């Protein structure tokens, strides 16, 4: 690959991404936006940060109330995203916003003395619950994890498995008919974990942003220390499917190059054998009632303090999903997940 000029990435970053499939941009999330996006989190949760007896669930996946352009919230992270995808002109306009859809991990007292091997974590998956997955899928072009709090080892960090990229890529290469996400009754990528040997705990300081290959297997972990872990997971999509057979090899994005490297190939003439499909995520069934609960809490707090309700939904619910498919009639329904998957989702979303 010919040397290129990047907005943010150093050559060391490029080399690390091509080898491991992830890069960390320290301090990329601006402090004022970290504060703004988390200022109401305990009100929304209905919990007291000083009283762990009120922490009635260990994890929460929250709907959003506030949004801003990624280039404003985390300009260096946005530059790195564009570097990895071959330029901002390739990035879908549905990816420009970041939101305060916080993913909270509070842990449980019973985890305190527990020692968990990352292989034994129960949440290994590949992101993208709103589309039929192919090797070249444009809907989930990167996995991004901004840290809204310091995350120490054993404090609920996201675990990743860099060598899992090759196994996920090979599975999708062998299944050009596509696969639904596991929450829609499709392939459970966690079944690839026994083949994996590399595991990394995504720890860091408040403001750090991890940017990962879209086929990175990852899992929530146990928060043994019960230090509140706050992250979001803004999806990044591209306008066109990944192209593994570009006429000029210098035009490959770093994500495309990493996928090819994972497959042991220089190029690939890849063709899907089924139409692409957008899916209504099952989480929407949990997010919608949860949003109403959070709005009630925010309104009660506003009435008590005289402060305004800080929510885009204060005067009526704005569309909750953040992946561009805003019209319900354009969303297909995937096969239903099994009872265990539904129970797991309820545990994460329940108030």
Protein backbone atom coordinates (compact mmCIF):
# COMPACT_ATOMS: atom_id res chain seq x y z
CA UNK A 1 0.00 0.00 0.00
CA UNK A 2 1.39 3.40 -0.99
CA UNK A 3 1.96 5.89 1.86
CA UNK A 4 -1.10 8.06 2.46
CA UNK A 5 -1.83 11.25 4.30
CA UNK A 6 -4.31 10.87 7.16
CA UNK A 7 -6.14 13.52 9.16
CA UNK A 8 -5.56 11.91 12.53
CA UNK A 9 -4.03 8.44 12.28
CA UNK A 10 -0.29 8.03 12.61
CA UNK A 11 1.57 5.31 10.75
CA UNK A 12 1.75 3.44 14.06
CA UNK A 13 -2.06 3.65 14.30
CA UNK A 14 -2.42 2.35 10.74
CA UNK A 15 -0.05 -0.54 11.38
CA UNK A 16 -1.83 -1.40 14.63
CA UNK A 17 -5.25 -1.41 12.96
CA UNK A 18 -4.07 -3.61 10.09
CA UNK A 19 -2.54 -6.03 12.58
CA UNK A 20 -5.14 -6.03 15.36
CA UNK A 21 -8.28 -4.46 13.89
CA UNK A 22 -8.64 -1.67 16.43
CA UNK A 23 -7.17 1.67 17.38
CA UNK A 24 -7.54 3.89 20.44
CA UNK A 25 -7.68 7.68 20.11
CA UNK A 26 -6.81 9.13 23.55
CA UNK A 27 -8.82 12.11 24.78
CA UNK A 28 -10.85 12.36 21.58
CA UNK A 29 -14.22 12.92 23.28
CA UNK A 30 -14.34 16.57 24.37
CA UNK A 31 -14.92 17.01 28.15
CA UNK A 32 -17.83 19.42 27.76
CA UNK A 33 -19.74 16.88 25.66
CA UNK A 34 -18.93 14.02 28.00
CA UNK A 35 -20.44 16.12 30.77
CA UNK A 36 -23.49 17.14 28.75
CA UNK A 37 -24.29 13.59 27.62
CA UNK A 38 -24.02 12.13 31.15
CA UNK A 39 -25.41 14.94 33.36
CA UNK A 40 -28.87 13.34 33.68
CA UNK A 41 -27.90 9.67 33.63
CA UNK A 42 -28.80 8.97 37.28
CA UNK A 43 -32.14 10.76 36.95
CA UNK A 44 -32.90 8.72 33.86
CA UNK A 45 -31.90 5.49 35.63
CA UNK A 46 -33.95 6.35 38.72
CA UNK A 47 -30.93 5.51 40.90
CA UNK A 48 -28.74 7.28 43.46
CA UNK A 49 -25.04 7.32 42.51
CA UNK A 50 -24.13 7.39 46.22
CA UNK A 51 -26.36 4.48 47.26
CA UNK A 52 -25.58 1.15 45.62
CA UNK A 53 -28.71 -0.37 47.14
CA UNK A 54 -30.64 1.61 44.50
CA UNK A 55 -28.62 0.03 41.68
CA UNK A 56 -31.31 -2.50 40.88
CA UNK A 57 -29.77 -3.82 37.65
CA UNK A 58 -26.18 -4.29 36.65
CA UNK A 59 -26.49 -3.15 33.03
CA UNK A 60 -28.68 -0.68 31.19
CA UNK A 61 -28.92 0.10 27.49
CA UNK A 62 -30.63 3.49 27.31
CA UNK A 63 -32.54 5.39 24.62
CA UNK A 64 -31.26 8.79 23.56
CA UNK A 65 -32.33 12.33 24.51
CA UNK A 66 -29.57 14.60 23.18
CA UNK A 67 -27.59 14.57 19.94
CA UNK A 68 -24.79 16.49 18.26
CA UNK A 69 -22.51 16.07 15.29
CA UNK A 70 -19.62 13.67 15.91
CA UNK A 71 -17.27 16.24 14.40
CA UNK A 72 -18.28 18.59 17.24
CA UNK A 73 -18.42 16.06 20.08
CA UNK A 74 -15.17 14.25 19.19
CA UNK A 75 -13.42 15.89 16.21
CA UNK A 76 -10.28 13.74 16.38
CA UNK A 77 -12.33 10.54 16.61
CA UNK A 78 -14.40 11.66 13.62
CA UNK A 79 -11.20 12.33 11.67
CA UNK A 80 -9.90 8.87 12.53
CA UNK A 81 -13.20 7.29 11.45
CA UNK A 82 -12.93 9.01 8.09
CA UNK A 83 -9.29 7.93 7.79
CA UNK A 84 -10.23 4.29 8.35
CA UNK A 85 -13.07 4.36 5.82
CA UNK A 86 -11.23 6.09 2.99
CA UNK A 87 -12.50 9.63 3.46
CA UNK A 88 -15.56 11.47 4.73
CA UNK A 89 -17.14 11.31 1.28
CA UNK A 90 -17.66 7.56 1.78
CA UNK A 91 -19.42 7.94 5.15
CA UNK A 92 -23.21 7.92 5.25
CA UNK A 93 -24.89 11.07 6.51
CA UNK A 94 -26.78 8.90 9.03
CA UNK A 95 -23.45 8.53 10.86
CA UNK A 96 -22.77 12.20 11.49
CA UNK A 97 -24.58 12.36 14.85
CA UNK A 98 -23.55 10.98 18.21
CA UNK A 99 -26.20 10.58 20.91
CA UNK A 100 -26.47 10.08 24.65
CA UNK A 101 -27.84 6.54 24.30
CA UNK A 102 -25.66 5.47 27.20
CA UNK A 103 -24.69 1.87 27.89
CA UNK A 104 -24.23 1.62 31.64
CA UNK A 105 -22.50 -1.19 33.53
CA UNK A 106 -22.83 -0.98 37.33
CA UNK A 107 -22.01 -4.54 38.31
CA UNK A 108 -23.30 -6.51 41.26
CA UNK A 109 -21.95 -7.15 44.74
CA UNK A 110 -21.72 -10.85 43.94
CA UNK A 111 -19.17 -10.12 41.21
CA UNK A 112 -16.67 -8.63 43.69
CA UNK A 113 -14.58 -11.76 44.25
CA UNK A 114 -15.52 -13.50 41.01
CA UNK A 115 -12.81 -14.33 38.48
CA UNK A 116 -14.24 -14.61 34.97
CA UNK A 117 -12.30 -15.87 31.98
CA UNK A 118 -13.22 -13.72 28.95
CA UNK A 119 -14.10 -16.88 27.03
CA UNK A 120 -16.88 -17.45 29.57
CA UNK A 121 -18.57 -14.08 29.09
CA UNK A 122 -22.15 -14.46 27.91
CA UNK A 123 -22.48 -11.51 25.54
CA UNK A 124 -20.04 -12.16 22.65
CA UNK A 125 -21.44 -10.81 19.40
CA UNK A 126 -20.87 -8.75 16.27
CA UNK A 127 -22.81 -5.50 16.15
CA UNK A 128 -25.63 -4.73 13.75
CA UNK A 129 -29.11 -5.75 14.90
CA UNK A 130 -30.88 -3.79 12.16
CA UNK A 131 -29.75 -5.51 8.95
CA UNK A 132 -29.06 -8.79 7.23
CA UNK A 133 -25.29 -9.35 7.49
CA UNK A 134 -22.95 -9.88 4.54
CA UNK A 135 -19.17 -9.64 4.36
CA UNK A 136 -19.43 -6.27 2.60
CA UNK A 137 -22.36 -4.83 4.58
CA UNK A 138 -22.23 -1.02 4.60
CA UNK A 139 -24.62 -0.58 7.53
CA UNK A 140 -22.02 -1.31 10.23
CA UNK A 141 -18.75 -0.03 8.82
CA UNK A 142 -16.99 0.49 12.16
CA UNK A 143 -17.66 -0.19 15.82
CA UNK A 144 -17.00 2.92 17.94
CA UNK A 145 -16.77 3.00 21.75
CA UNK A 146 -16.37 6.43 23.40
CA UNK A 147 -15.57 6.28 27.12
CA UNK A 148 -17.70 8.66 29.21
CA UNK A 149 -15.93 7.64 32.43
CA UNK A 150 -12.56 6.19 33.40
CA UNK A 151 -12.61 2.42 32.98
CA UNK A 152 -10.19 0.35 35.01
CA UNK A 153 -9.44 -3.35 34.61
CA UNK A 154 -12.25 -5.50 36.09
CA UNK A 155 -14.64 -2.51 36.02
CA UNK A 156 -16.97 -3.58 33.22
CA UNK A 157 -14.90 -2.73 30.17
CA UNK A 158 -15.86 -4.09 26.76
CA UNK A 159 -13.81 -7.17 25.91
CA UNK A 160 -12.76 -7.67 22.30
CA UNK A 161 -11.26 -10.62 20.44
CA UNK A 162 -9.05 -9.30 17.62
CA UNK A 163 -8.27 -12.71 16.14
CA UNK A 164 -12.01 -13.34 15.90
CA UNK A 165 -12.16 -11.03 12.88
CA UNK A 166 -10.72 -13.74 10.66
CA UNK A 167 -13.30 -16.28 11.82
CA UNK A 168 -16.23 -13.87 11.42
CA UNK A 169 -15.01 -12.83 7.97
CA UNK A 170 -14.59 -16.46 6.88
CA UNK A 171 -18.09 -17.33 8.08
CA UNK A 172 -19.63 -14.46 6.11
CA UNK A 173 -17.53 -15.27 3.05
CA UNK A 174 -18.92 -18.80 3.15
CA UNK A 175 -22.48 -17.50 3.56
CA UNK A 176 -23.10 -15.08 0.71
CA UNK A 177 -26.82 -15.52 1.35
CA UNK A 178 -26.34 -13.44 4.49
CA UNK A 179 -27.24 -14.07 8.11
CA UNK A 180 -29.60 -12.34 10.46
CA UNK A 181 -28.19 -10.97 13.74
CA UNK A 182 -28.44 -13.44 16.60
CA UNK A 183 -31.18 -11.35 18.24
CA UNK A 184 -33.19 -11.92 15.07
CA UNK A 185 -32.77 -15.67 15.03
CA UNK A 186 -29.60 -15.72 12.91
CA UNK A 187 -26.05 -16.93 13.40
CA UNK A 188 -24.65 -16.47 16.91
CA UNK A 189 -21.13 -15.19 16.32
CA UNK A 190 -20.34 -16.09 19.94
CA UNK A 191 -20.04 -19.67 18.65
CA UNK A 192 -16.73 -18.59 17.10
CA UNK A 193 -15.16 -17.73 20.48
CA UNK A 194 -13.71 -21.24 21.09
CA UNK A 195 -11.53 -20.63 18.01
CA UNK A 196 -10.21 -17.32 19.40
CA UNK A 197 -7.04 -16.90 21.42
CA UNK A 198 -6.64 -13.13 21.74
CA UNK A 199 -8.69 -11.09 24.20
CA UNK A 200 -8.29 -7.40 25.04
CA UNK A 201 -10.04 -5.40 27.78
CA UNK A 202 -10.90 -1.92 26.44
CA UNK A 203 -9.83 0.11 29.46
CA UNK A 204 -8.93 3.78 29.34
CA UNK A 205 -9.55 7.28 30.55
CA UNK A 206 -12.68 9.36 30.23
CA UNK A 207 -12.61 10.84 26.72
CA UNK A 208 -10.72 8.00 25.04
CA UNK A 209 -12.40 6.52 21.97
CA UNK A 210 -11.88 2.97 20.69
CA UNK A 211 -12.54 2.42 17.00
CA UNK A 212 -12.88 -1.21 15.93
CA UNK A 213 -13.25 -3.23 12.76
CA UNK A 214 -16.96 -3.98 12.13
CA UNK A 215 -16.41 -7.75 12.48
CA UNK A 216 -14.74 -7.42 15.87
CA UNK A 217 -16.26 -9.93 18.27
CA UNK A 218 -16.89 -8.18 21.58
CA UNK A 219 -18.72 -8.63 24.86
CA UNK A 220 -19.80 -6.71 27.91
CA UNK A 221 -17.87 -7.86 30.98
CA UNK A 222 -18.61 -8.11 34.68
CA UNK A 223 -18.06 -4.93 36.67
CA UNK A 224 -16.31 -6.41 39.67
CA UNK A 225 -15.26 -3.03 41.11
CA UNK A 226 -18.72 -1.44 40.77
CA UNK A 227 -17.25 1.79 39.43
CA UNK A 228 -19.94 3.04 37.03
CA UNK A 229 -18.93 2.35 33.44
CA UNK A 230 -20.48 4.70 30.90
CA UNK A 231 -20.03 4.31 27.16
CA UNK A 232 -22.01 4.75 23.97
CA UNK A 233 -21.83 2.81 20.75
CA UNK A 234 -22.48 5.16 17.80
CA UNK A 235 -22.89 3.19 14.60
CA UNK A 236 -20.95 4.24 11.51
CA UNK A 237 -22.31 3.35 8.07
CA UNK A 238 -20.95 3.97 4.59
CA UNK A 239 -22.81 4.98 1.44
CA UNK A 240 -21.79 1.95 -0.60
CA UNK A 241 -20.90 -1.64 0.37
CA UNK A 242 -17.26 -2.39 1.04
CA UNK A 243 -15.39 -3.15 -2.19
CA UNK A 244 -12.70 -5.83 -1.93
CA UNK A 245 -11.86 -5.72 -5.62
CA UNK A 246 -11.02 -2.08 -6.36
CA UNK A 247 -9.26 -1.42 -9.64
CA UNK A 248 -6.64 0.74 -7.94
CA UNK A 249 -5.38 -0.96 -4.76
CA UNK A 250 -4.51 2.45 -3.32
CA UNK A 251 -8.26 3.09 -3.14
CA UNK A 252 -8.88 0.34 -0.60
CA UNK A 253 -9.95 1.67 2.78
CA UNK A 254 -8.07 0.47 5.85
CA UNK A 255 -11.16 -1.53 6.88
CA UNK A 256 -11.22 -3.28 3.50
CA UNK A 257 -7.51 -4.01 3.74
CA UNK A 258 -7.92 -5.47 7.23
CA UNK A 259 -10.79 -7.70 6.05
CA UNK A 260 -8.71 -8.96 3.13
CA UNK A 261 -5.75 -9.57 5.43
CA UNK A 262 -7.96 -11.53 7.82
CA UNK A 263 -8.97 -13.74 4.90
CA UNK A 264 -5.38 -14.08 3.65
CA UNK A 265 -6.25 -12.41 0.34
CA UNK A 266 -5.01 -9.45 -1.70
CA UNK A 267 -8.41 -8.88 -3.31
CA UNK A 268 -11.78 -10.59 -3.56
CA UNK A 269 -14.52 -10.46 -6.20
CA UNK A 270 -17.35 -10.82 -3.68
CA UNK A 271 -21.00 -11.11 -4.69
CA UNK A 272 -24.01 -11.53 -2.42
CA UNK A 273 -26.72 -14.01 -3.38
CA UNK A 274 -29.67 -12.37 -1.62
CA UNK A 275 -31.12 -8.88 -1.44
CA UNK A 276 -29.99 -6.62 1.37
CA UNK A 277 -32.55 -6.14 4.11
CA UNK A 278 -33.14 -3.69 6.92
CA UNK A 279 -34.65 -5.08 10.12
CA UNK A 280 -36.63 -3.55 12.95
CA UNK A 281 -34.37 -4.18 15.98
CA UNK A 282 -36.01 -6.08 18.80
CA UNK A 283 -34.53 -3.53 21.24
CA UNK A 284 -36.99 -0.97 19.90
CA UNK A 285 -39.78 -2.85 21.66
CA UNK A 286 -37.96 -2.21 24.94
CA UNK A 287 -36.62 1.27 24.19
CA UNK A 288 -40.00 2.84 23.45
CA UNK A 289 -41.61 2.21 26.87
CA UNK A 290 -38.28 2.91 28.59
CA UNK A 291 -38.14 6.33 26.97
CA UNK A 292 -41.49 7.22 28.51
CA UNK A 293 -40.23 6.18 31.95
CA UNK A 294 -37.10 8.31 31.53
CA UNK A 295 -39.16 11.30 30.33
CA UNK A 296 -41.39 11.02 33.41
CA UNK A 297 -38.32 11.06 35.64
CA UNK A 298 -36.80 14.02 33.82
CA UNK A 299 -40.08 15.96 34.00
CA UNK A 300 -40.44 15.25 37.73
CA UNK A 301 -36.89 16.46 38.29
CA UNK A 302 -37.55 19.58 36.22
CA UNK A 303 -40.72 20.32 38.22
CA UNK A 304 -38.78 19.96 41.45
CA UNK A 305 -35.76 22.05 40.43
CA UNK A 306 -37.24 24.49 37.94
CA UNK A 307 -34.73 23.41 35.30
CA UNK A 308 -35.83 22.53 31.76
CA UNK A 309 -36.24 18.96 30.56
CA UNK A 310 -33.10 18.22 28.56
CA UNK A 311 -34.53 15.93 25.89
CA UNK A 312 -35.26 16.13 22.19
CA UNK A 313 -38.42 14.17 23.06
CA UNK A 314 -39.78 16.68 25.58
CA UNK A 315 -42.54 17.81 23.21
CA UNK A 316 -43.16 14.48 21.49
CA UNK A 317 -41.12 11.39 20.71
CA UNK A 318 -38.59 11.81 17.92
CA UNK A 319 -37.76 8.60 16.05
CA UNK A 320 -35.63 6.54 18.43
CA UNK A 321 -33.49 4.47 16.06
CA UNK A 322 -30.23 5.94 14.80
CA UNK A 323 -29.53 3.94 11.67
CA UNK A 324 -31.32 5.87 8.97
CA UNK A 325 -34.36 3.62 8.44
CA UNK A 326 -36.89 6.04 9.92
CA UNK A 327 -40.00 4.79 8.19
CA UNK A 328 -41.54 1.73 9.79
CA UNK A 329 -42.84 0.39 6.47
CA UNK A 330 -39.28 0.06 5.22
CA UNK A 331 -38.26 -2.21 8.08
CA UNK A 332 -38.61 -5.95 7.76
CA UNK A 333 -39.03 -8.20 10.77
CA UNK A 334 -36.38 -10.84 11.24
CA UNK A 335 -37.21 -14.35 12.52
CA UNK A 336 -38.10 -14.19 16.20
CA UNK A 337 -35.32 -14.91 18.69
CA UNK A 338 -35.74 -17.67 21.20
CA UNK A 339 -37.06 -17.19 24.74
CA UNK A 340 -33.58 -17.04 26.28
CA UNK A 341 -32.54 -14.20 23.97
CA UNK A 342 -35.71 -12.26 24.73
CA UNK A 343 -35.16 -12.75 28.48
CA UNK A 344 -31.58 -11.48 28.14
CA UNK A 345 -32.75 -8.36 26.32
CA UNK A 346 -35.41 -7.73 28.95
CA UNK A 347 -32.76 -7.87 31.66
CA UNK A 348 -30.74 -5.16 29.90
CA UNK A 349 -33.62 -2.84 29.02
CA UNK A 350 -36.05 -3.34 31.91
CA UNK A 351 -36.66 -0.46 34.29
